Amino acid sequence: MSAVSIEKAKAVLSDFVLVNQQTNIDSFILGKENYTKFVNEFWTAKQRQANSIHEISYRACYKPQLPRFFIDLFTRKGDTVYDPFAGRGTTPIEAALMGRKIVSNDVNPLSVILTKSRLNIPTIDNIEKRLDEIKFESVGADIDLSMFFHKKTEHELISFKNQLIDTEVDNWIRMVSTNRLTGHSAGFFSGYTLPPNQAASQKSQIAINERLGVVPSYKDTKEIILKKSKSLLRDINSKLRYDLKAVSSNSIFSSLDSRETSHIVDNSINLTVTSPPFLNIVKYATDNWLRCWFNDIDASEVESRISLCRTVETWSNIMSGVFGELYRITLPGGWVAFEVGEVNNGKIKLDEYVVPLGLKSGFICAGIMVNSQDFTKTSNIWGVNNMKIGTNTNRIVLFHKPK
């Protein structure tokens, strides 16, 4: 790549961050190249509160303000935003709220269930009417769930599982039910368990119950679903409901390996904002086993398709294939914001592995943005001693596809 192209890519960021006096602009050397690093609190506190539709739980997900920052900076209404590791759908939903087209992919089909229904939103009246139509039957689950649910609650869940069909309102109820299965407060169907973004194993839940001396109490599932629906929809008006549905009708939702996305057209994506799984730290299918069961998804089959990497080298090999696809589908002049979390308390600097992967695929690295909050000393982030470790940090490697 020519020096002119590289400087042009960097200039987009530099022009933006220089208007903020508090931005710390630093550099670091990787190989023979010098790369720019921008450190500041770029989003979260400095942006408006996220829309209520985002408020569903999922493990290892970033705040909606992160994708909003890059969507606002690098795209216009009508552009297409992609996330190959969509998870709960933070990037595609934020993009849809901003009037962009979306392509959402995640190897776990749960992602489609959690994302698409929040773009095809029924009214509260229709949700309440459909809940009234569900007739509870005294039918138990095909697996032992007594450690999670009161028997009556279990019967209600099985009734939902058996009676919900593929309609807008039923898909919404399925999504909310999936989100409310397990948690540590009264707003969930289960007794007290782990935080709401994962389910303990049956054996572990029995141990939790014994340690706390508790037995799962009855939960009114319809009441919980309706209450959560009202909370999710408090920022949704009729116009936004219409706009989100229009975006959804022109979007792509898939559950494929992010290295094998031939369904996405060449040079069609303006911006990718994503956060890939990091090594073997998070076992997404295992954590979501109960959600998978409720939605008739084979968790073990999903687990077999999720690459859990025990070494950085293995992780890098997989991400190399992802970057090959990202380069193919990115529009010339388009961008990729690749969030790489901290691994082993910062001992592994994934940015140093990600930069060469992007370069090898053909991208220009425009720099790295570190969104940091509560730092008292930011000049030595990544490798040099800090007097204080900041909280809520995100590290994003930015790539640009030359025209």
Protein backbone atom coordinates (compact mmCIF):
# COMPACT_ATOMS: atom_id res chain seq x y z
CA MET A 1 0.00 0.00 0.00
CA SER A 2 1.23 3.48 -0.75
CA ALA A 3 2.12 5.91 2.00
CA VAL A 4 -0.53 8.28 0.60
CA SER A 5 -3.28 5.65 1.06
CA ILE A 6 -2.17 4.86 4.58
CA GLU A 7 -2.05 8.53 5.59
CA LYS A 8 -5.49 9.11 4.09
CA ALA A 9 -6.92 6.29 6.19
CA LYS A 10 -5.28 7.59 9.35
CA ALA A 11 -6.43 11.14 8.63
CA VAL A 12 -10.09 10.20 9.06
CA LEU A 13 -9.35 9.26 12.65
CA SER A 14 -6.87 11.99 13.37
CA ASP A 15 -9.22 14.74 12.19
CA PHE A 16 -11.90 13.37 14.48
CA VAL A 17 -9.91 12.83 17.65
CA LEU A 18 -7.85 16.01 17.43
CA VAL A 19 -10.92 18.13 18.05
CA ASN A 20 -11.07 16.56 21.48
CA GLN A 21 -8.31 18.03 23.60
CA GLN A 22 -8.19 15.04 25.92
CA THR A 23 -7.32 12.45 23.29
CA ASN A 24 -3.94 10.88 23.90
CA ILE A 25 -2.27 10.14 20.58
CA ASP A 26 0.56 7.69 20.87
CA SER A 27 2.34 5.23 18.62
CA PHE A 28 3.71 1.74 18.81
CA ILE A 29 6.02 -0.27 16.59
CA LEU A 30 5.02 -3.66 15.24
CA GLY A 31 7.57 -5.28 12.99
CA LYS A 32 9.04 -2.47 10.93
CA GLU A 33 5.92 -0.29 10.94
CA ASN A 34 4.83 2.49 13.26
CA TYR A 35 1.11 2.53 14.12
CA THR A 36 -1.01 5.22 15.76
CA LYS A 37 -2.90 4.61 19.00
CA PHE A 38 -5.73 6.88 20.14
CA VAL A 39 -6.66 6.77 23.84
CA ASN A 40 -9.73 8.49 25.28
CA GLU A 41 -13.24 7.92 26.52
CA PHE A 42 -14.77 8.01 23.06
CA TRP A 43 -18.17 6.57 23.88
CA THR A 44 -20.42 5.41 26.75
CA ALA A 45 -20.50 8.50 29.00
CA LYS A 46 -20.05 10.81 26.02
CA GLN A 47 -22.97 9.41 24.07
CA ARG A 48 -26.66 9.29 24.73
CA GLN A 49 -28.15 6.40 26.66
CA ALA A 50 -28.72 3.28 24.56
CA ASN A 51 -32.20 2.36 23.36
CA SER A 52 -34.15 0.11 25.73
CA ILE A 53 -34.50 -2.58 23.03
CA HIS A 54 -30.88 -3.58 23.72
CA GLU A 55 -31.56 -4.66 27.29
CA ILE A 56 -31.28 -8.42 27.03
CA SER A 57 -28.49 -10.37 28.67
CA TYR A 58 -25.71 -12.25 26.92
CA ARG A 59 -22.22 -13.12 28.00
CA ALA A 60 -19.20 -11.16 26.79
CA CYS A 61 -21.02 -8.43 24.87
CA TYR A 62 -20.03 -4.79 24.47
CA LYS A 63 -22.20 -1.77 25.05
CA PRO A 64 -24.31 -0.38 22.15
CA GLN A 65 -22.39 2.89 22.32
CA LEU A 66 -19.36 1.14 20.85
CA PRO A 67 -20.88 0.25 17.47
CA ARG A 68 -22.81 3.53 17.43
CA PHE A 69 -19.52 5.45 17.56
CA PHE A 70 -18.14 3.74 14.45
CA ILE A 71 -21.46 3.60 12.59
CA ASP A 72 -21.84 7.34 13.06
CA LEU A 73 -18.23 8.02 12.07
CA PHE A 74 -17.89 5.79 9.01
CA THR A 75 -21.37 5.30 7.49
CA ARG A 76 -24.46 7.08 6.29
CA LYS A 77 -28.12 6.05 6.30
CA GLY A 78 -28.68 3.23 3.86
CA ASP A 79 -25.13 1.85 4.19
CA THR A 80 -24.65 -1.76 5.24
CA VAL A 81 -23.17 -2.77 8.60
CA TYR A 82 -21.99 -6.32 9.35
CA ASP A 83 -21.14 -8.38 12.43
CA PRO A 84 -19.73 -11.89 11.83
CA PHE A 85 -19.88 -12.69 15.58
CA ALA A 86 -23.22 -11.06 16.33
CA GLY A 87 -24.02 -12.70 19.68
CA ARG A 88 -27.05 -10.98 21.18
CA GLY A 89 -27.18 -8.61 18.18
CA THR A 90 -25.79 -5.39 19.61
CA THR A 91 -24.15 -4.20 16.39
CA PRO A 92 -26.99 -5.06 13.96
CA ILE A 93 -29.68 -3.66 16.23
CA GLU A 94 -27.80 -0.41 16.82
CA ALA A 95 -27.18 -0.14 13.07
CA ALA A 96 -30.88 -0.68 12.38
CA LEU A 97 -31.80 1.99 14.92
CA MET A 98 -29.53 4.33 12.96
CA GLY A 99 -31.18 3.56 9.62
CA ARG A 100 -28.48 1.27 8.20
CA LYS A 101 -28.96 -2.05 6.45
CA ILE A 102 -27.58 -5.00 8.34
CA VAL A 103 -25.93 -8.36 7.85
CA SER A 104 -25.90 -10.40 11.06
CA ASN A 105 -24.10 -13.71 11.45
CA ASP A 106 -23.22 -15.96 14.36
CA VAL A 107 -22.52 -19.69 14.38
CA ASN A 108 -25.03 -20.10 17.22
CA PRO A 109 -28.64 -19.92 15.90
CA LEU A 110 -29.63 -18.30 19.19
CA SER A 111 -28.26 -15.07 17.74
CA VAL A 112 -30.98 -14.94 15.08
CA ILE A 113 -33.64 -15.66 17.69
CA LEU A 114 -32.37 -12.86 19.92
CA THR A 115 -31.80 -10.35 17.12
CA LYS A 116 -34.43 -10.66 14.40
CA SER A 117 -37.40 -10.56 16.78
CA ARG A 118 -36.22 -7.22 18.18
CA LEU A 119 -36.46 -5.72 14.71
CA ASN A 120 -39.95 -7.14 14.10
CA ILE A 121 -41.69 -5.79 17.14
CA PRO A 122 -45.34 -6.48 18.05
CA THR A 123 -47.40 -4.06 20.11
CA ILE A 124 -47.88 -4.60 23.83
CA ASP A 125 -51.59 -5.21 23.16
CA ASN A 126 -50.77 -8.01 20.72
CA ILE A 127 -48.24 -9.52 23.12
CA GLU A 128 -50.79 -9.48 25.96
CA LYS A 129 -53.49 -10.96 23.72
CA ARG A 130 -51.24 -13.80 22.59
CA LEU A 131 -50.14 -14.56 26.14
CA ASP A 132 -53.80 -14.93 27.10
CA GLU A 133 -54.22 -17.47 24.29
CA ILE A 134 -51.50 -19.79 25.60
CA LYS A 135 -53.12 -22.60 27.56
CA PHE A 136 -50.94 -24.09 30.25
CA GLU A 137 -50.81 -27.88 30.41
CA SER A 138 -49.38 -30.14 33.11
CA VAL A 139 -46.58 -31.49 30.94
CA GLY A 140 -43.04 -31.80 32.25
CA ALA A 141 -39.74 -31.38 30.41
CA ASP A 142 -37.85 -34.21 28.75
CA ILE A 143 -34.90 -33.48 31.04
CA ASP A 144 -34.63 -32.88 34.77
CA LEU A 145 -35.04 -29.14 35.41
CA SER A 146 -36.26 -29.36 39.00
CA MET A 147 -33.09 -27.68 40.26
CA PHE A 148 -33.98 -24.57 38.21
CA PHE A 149 -37.77 -24.31 38.13
CA HIS A 150 -40.78 -24.90 40.33
CA LYS A 151 -42.86 -27.71 38.81
CA LYS A 152 -45.70 -25.33 37.88
CA THR A 153 -43.24 -22.91 36.28
CA GLU A 154 -41.74 -25.80 34.32
CA HIS A 155 -45.20 -26.76 33.02
CA GLU A 156 -45.76 -23.20 31.83
CA LEU A 157 -42.40 -23.15 30.05
CA ILE A 158 -43.12 -26.43 28.28
CA SER A 159 -46.51 -25.04 27.21
CA PHE A 160 -44.75 -22.05 25.63
CA LYS A 161 -42.16 -24.34 24.07
CA ASN A 162 -44.87 -26.52 22.52
CA GLN A 163 -47.36 -23.85 21.44
CA LEU A 164 -45.26 -20.97 20.08
CA ILE A 165 -45.10 -20.88 16.28
CA ASP A 166 -43.28 -18.78 13.68
CA THR A 167 -45.15 -15.48 13.85
CA GLU A 168 -44.02 -11.99 14.78
CA VAL A 169 -45.63 -12.00 18.20
CA ASP A 170 -44.67 -15.60 18.98
CA ASN A 171 -41.06 -14.97 17.99
CA TRP A 172 -41.05 -12.00 20.34
CA ILE A 173 -42.43 -14.08 23.21
CA ARG A 174 -39.89 -16.81 22.45
CA MET A 175 -37.06 -14.26 22.56
CA VAL A 176 -38.18 -12.77 25.87
CA SER A 177 -38.75 -16.22 27.36
CA THR A 178 -35.27 -17.28 26.27
CA ASN A 179 -33.87 -14.18 27.96
CA ARG A 180 -35.78 -14.80 31.19
CA LEU A 181 -34.96 -18.49 31.70
CA THR A 182 -32.31 -18.20 34.39
CA GLY A 183 -31.02 -15.42 36.59
CA HIS A 184 -30.43 -14.17 40.10
CA SER A 185 -33.48 -11.96 40.68
CA ALA A 186 -37.27 -12.19 40.81
CA GLY A 187 -37.50 -11.15 37.16
CA PHE A 188 -36.40 -14.58 35.92
CA PHE A 189 -38.25 -17.89 35.70
CA SER A 190 -35.64 -19.83 37.64
CA GLY A 191 -34.75 -19.88 41.29
CA TYR A 192 -31.55 -18.11 42.27
CA THR A 193 -28.70 -19.06 39.95
CA LEU A 194 -25.75 -17.51 38.15
CA PRO A 195 -25.94 -14.03 36.59
CA PRO A 196 -28.54 -13.92 33.81
CA ASN A 197 -26.23 -14.36 30.85
CA GLN A 198 -25.47 -18.04 31.39
CA ALA A 199 -26.94 -21.20 32.91
CA ALA A 200 -25.13 -23.38 35.39
CA SER A 201 -25.01 -27.10 34.73
CA GLN A 202 -27.68 -29.18 36.45
CA LYS A 203 -25.08 -30.53 38.89
CA SER A 204 -23.76 -27.05 39.67
CA GLN A 205 -27.27 -25.69 40.20
CA ILE A 206 -28.03 -28.44 42.70
CA ALA A 207 -24.91 -27.40 44.60
CA ILE A 208 -26.00 -23.73 44.50
CA ASN A 209 -29.42 -24.66 45.90
CA GLU A 210 -27.90 -26.77 48.67
CA ARG A 211 -25.39 -24.09 49.60
CA LEU A 212 -28.09 -21.42 49.85
CA GLY A 213 -30.72 -23.74 51.28
CA VAL A 214 -33.29 -22.74 48.67
CA VAL A 215 -35.90 -24.48 46.55
CA PRO A 216 -37.09 -22.83 43.29
CA SER A 217 -40.34 -20.97 43.91
CA TYR A 218 -43.22 -20.54 41.47
CA LYS A 219 -42.83 -17.73 38.91
CA ASP A 220 -45.72 -16.31 36.89
CA THR A 221 -44.23 -16.63 33.42
CA LYS A 222 -46.84 -14.55 31.61
CA GLU A 223 -46.47 -11.70 34.08
CA ILE A 224 -42.65 -11.77 33.75
CA ILE A 225 -42.79 -11.84 29.93
CA LEU A 226 -45.21 -8.92 29.80
CA LYS A 227 -43.20 -6.87 32.29
CA LYS A 228 -39.95 -7.45 30.41
CA SER A 229 -41.66 -6.65 27.09
CA LYS A 230 -42.87 -3.32 28.42
CA SER A 231 -39.36 -2.53 29.64
CA LEU A 232 -37.76 -3.42 26.30
CA LEU A 233 -40.30 -1.34 24.36
CA ARG A 234 -40.33 1.80 26.46
CA ASP A 235 -38.22 3.65 23.85
CA ILE A 236 -40.05 2.21 20.83
CA ASN A 237 -42.72 4.30 19.11
CA SER A 238 -44.85 3.40 16.08
CA LYS A 239 -42.51 5.09 13.59
CA LEU A 240 -39.42 3.34 14.94
CA ARG A 241 -41.29 0.03 14.97
CA TYR A 242 -42.09 0.54 11.29
CA ASP A 243 -38.53 1.61 10.43
CA LEU A 244 -36.93 -1.36 12.19
CA LYS A 245 -39.22 -3.79 10.39
CA ALA A 246 -38.29 -2.18 7.06
CA VAL A 247 -34.59 -2.63 7.86
CA SER A 248 -35.14 -6.26 8.82
CA SER A 249 -36.92 -7.05 5.55
CA ASN A 250 -33.84 -5.95 3.60
CA SER A 251 -31.24 -7.58 5.84
CA ILE A 252 -29.42 -10.90 6.13
CA PHE A 253 -29.45 -13.14 9.21
CA SER A 254 -27.32 -16.27 9.16
CA SER A 255 -25.75 -18.91 11.41
CA LEU A 256 -22.57 -19.85 9.61
CA ASP A 257 -18.87 -20.14 10.23
CA SER A 258 -17.52 -16.61 9.76
CA ARG A 259 -14.86 -18.00 7.42
CA GLU A 260 -17.50 -19.39 5.08
CA THR A 261 -19.91 -16.59 4.21
CA SER A 262 -20.37 -16.99 0.46
CA HIS A 263 -23.97 -15.79 0.86
CA ILE A 264 -22.63 -12.26 1.38
CA VAL A 265 -21.93 -10.44 -1.89
CA ASP A 266 -18.42 -9.21 -2.74
CA ASN A 267 -17.76 -5.52 -1.96
CA SER A 268 -21.12 -5.03 -0.25
CA ILE A 269 -20.29 -4.10 3.36
CA ASN A 270 -19.52 -0.50 4.32
CA LEU A 271 -18.54 -1.23 7.91
CA THR A 272 -17.93 -4.25 10.11
CA VAL A 273 -18.03 -3.84 13.88
CA THR A 274 -17.37 -7.03 15.76
CA SER A 275 -15.81 -8.75 18.75
CA PRO A 276 -14.61 -12.31 18.11
CA PRO A 277 -14.45 -15.06 20.73
CA PHE A 278 -11.16 -14.90 22.60
CA LEU A 279 -9.25 -18.16 22.86
CA ASN A 280 -11.06 -20.64 25.14
CA ILE A 281 -12.15 -18.14 27.77
CA VAL A 282 -15.88 -18.20 27.03
CA LYS A 283 -17.75 -21.39 26.11
CA TYR A 284 -20.77 -19.83 24.46
CA ALA A 285 -22.72 -23.00 23.69
CA THR A 286 -22.09 -24.50 27.13
CA ASP A 287 -23.21 -21.30 28.84
CA ASN A 288 -26.32 -21.25 26.66
CA TRP A 289 -27.26 -24.92 26.95
CA LEU A 290 -30.62 -24.20 28.59
CA ARG A 291 -31.48 -21.51 26.06
CA CYS A 292 -30.60 -23.95 23.29
CA TRP A 293 -32.82 -26.61 24.85
CA PHE A 294 -35.76 -24.23 25.05
CA ASN A 295 -35.38 -23.39 21.34
CA ASP A 296 -34.73 -26.97 20.15
CA ILE A 297 -31.14 -26.18 19.22
CA ASP A 298 -28.57 -28.95 19.58
CA ALA A 299 -26.03 -27.28 21.89
CA SER A 300 -23.44 -30.01 21.35
CA GLU A 301 -23.68 -29.57 17.58
CA VAL A 302 -23.25 -25.82 17.96
CA GLU A 303 -20.32 -26.37 20.30
CA SER A 304 -18.64 -28.55 17.68
CA ARG A 305 -18.77 -25.66 15.20
CA ILE A 306 -17.42 -23.07 17.63
CA SER A 307 -13.65 -22.92 17.53
CA LEU A 308 -12.30 -22.90 21.08
CA CYS A 309 -8.63 -22.06 20.78
CA ARG A 310 -6.14 -22.85 23.49
CA THR A 311 -3.27 -20.99 21.87
CA VAL A 312 -2.91 -17.60 20.23
CA GLU A 313 -1.48 -19.31 17.16
CA THR A 314 -4.61 -21.42 16.67
CA TRP A 315 -6.80 -18.38 17.26
CA SER A 316 -4.78 -16.39 14.73
CA ASN A 317 -5.12 -19.12 12.10
CA ILE A 318 -8.89 -19.04 12.45
CA MET A 319 -9.07 -15.25 12.42
CA SER A 320 -6.92 -15.24 9.28
CA GLY A 321 -9.77 -17.00 7.48
CA VAL A 322 -12.26 -14.52 8.92
CA PHE A 323 -10.19 -11.59 7.65
CA GLY A 324 -10.01 -13.14 4.21
CA GLU A 325 -13.80 -13.08 4.05
CA LEU A 326 -14.00 -9.60 5.55
CA TYR A 327 -11.72 -8.24 2.86
CA ARG A 328 -13.76 -9.91 0.11
CA ILE A 329 -17.08 -8.50 1.27
CA THR A 330 -15.91 -5.03 2.35
CA LEU A 331 -16.62 -2.23 -0.09
CA PRO A 332 -13.49 -0.40 -1.31
CA GLY A 333 -13.22 2.55 1.05
CA GLY A 334 -14.98 0.55 3.77
CA TRP A 335 -13.92 -0.08 7.35
CA VAL A 336 -13.53 -2.86 9.91
CA ALA A 337 -13.59 -2.13 13.65
CA PHE A 338 -12.25 -5.28 15.30
CA GLU A 339 -12.60 -5.24 19.08
CA VAL A 340 -10.02 -7.36 20.88
CA GLY A 341 -10.51 -7.80 24.57
CA GLU A 342 -7.91 -8.20 27.24
CA VAL A 343 -6.66 -11.76 27.63
CA ASN A 344 -4.89 -13.13 30.72
CA ASN A 345 -5.02 -9.72 32.43
CA GLY A 346 -3.29 -8.03 29.53
CA LYS A 347 -0.44 -10.52 29.27
CA ILE A 348 -1.57 -11.44 25.75
CA LYS A 349 -1.90 -8.41 23.49
CA LEU A 350 -4.24 -9.61 20.79
CA ASP A 351 -3.91 -6.35 18.87
CA GLU A 352 -0.35 -7.32 18.03
CA TYR A 353 -1.67 -10.50 16.43
CA VAL A 354 -4.70 -8.90 14.76
CA VAL A 355 -2.81 -6.14 12.94
CA PRO A 356 -0.71 -8.55 10.80
CA LEU A 357 -3.82 -10.62 9.99
CA GLY A 358 -5.61 -7.59 8.59
CA LEU A 359 -2.58 -6.43 6.67
CA LYS A 360 -2.04 -9.85 5.14
CA SER A 361 -5.63 -9.92 3.85
CA GLY A 362 -5.13 -6.57 2.11
CA PHE A 363 -6.44 -4.03 4.61
CA ILE A 364 -4.64 -0.90 5.78
CA CYS A 365 -4.35 -0.56 9.56
CA ALA A 366 -5.48 2.98 10.35
CA GLY A 367 -4.63 2.66 14.01
CA ILE A 368 -5.91 1.37 17.31
CA MET A 369 -8.50 3.08 19.47
CA VAL A 370 -8.55 2.48 23.21
CA ASN A 371 -11.77 3.54 24.86
CA SER A 372 -10.92 3.95 28.52
CA GLN A 373 -12.85 5.15 31.54
CA ASP A 374 -11.51 6.22 34.91
CA PHE A 375 -7.87 6.16 33.85
CA THR A 376 -5.62 8.47 35.86
CA LYS A 377 -2.69 7.79 33.61
CA THR A 378 -3.29 6.74 30.00
CA SER A 379 0.04 7.31 28.33
CA ASN A 380 1.39 3.84 29.03
CA ILE A 381 -1.55 1.56 28.26
CA TRP A 382 -0.59 -1.84 26.83
CA GLY A 383 2.63 -3.14 28.20
CA VAL A 384 4.12 -0.35 30.26
CA ASN A 385 3.30 0.01 33.97
CA ASN A 386 0.17 2.01 34.81
CA MET A 387 -0.36 3.64 38.18
CA LYS A 388 -3.99 2.62 37.91
CA ILE A 389 -5.72 0.07 35.74
CA GLY A 390 -8.77 1.61 34.08
CA THR A 391 -12.23 0.13 34.03
CA ASN A 392 -14.49 -0.70 31.10
CA THR A 393 -11.81 -0.56 28.45
CA ASN A 394 -12.29 -1.55 24.82
CA ARG A 395 -9.44 -1.91 22.33
CA ILE A 396 -10.38 -1.70 18.68
CA VAL A 397 -8.06 -2.30 15.77
CA LEU A 398 -9.27 -0.27 12.80
CA PHE A 399 -8.78 -1.42 9.23
CA HIS A 400 -9.54 0.35 5.98
CA LYS A 401 -9.96 -1.22 2.55
CA PRO A 402 -8.28 1.00 -0.06
CA LYS A 403 -10.28 2.20 -3.04
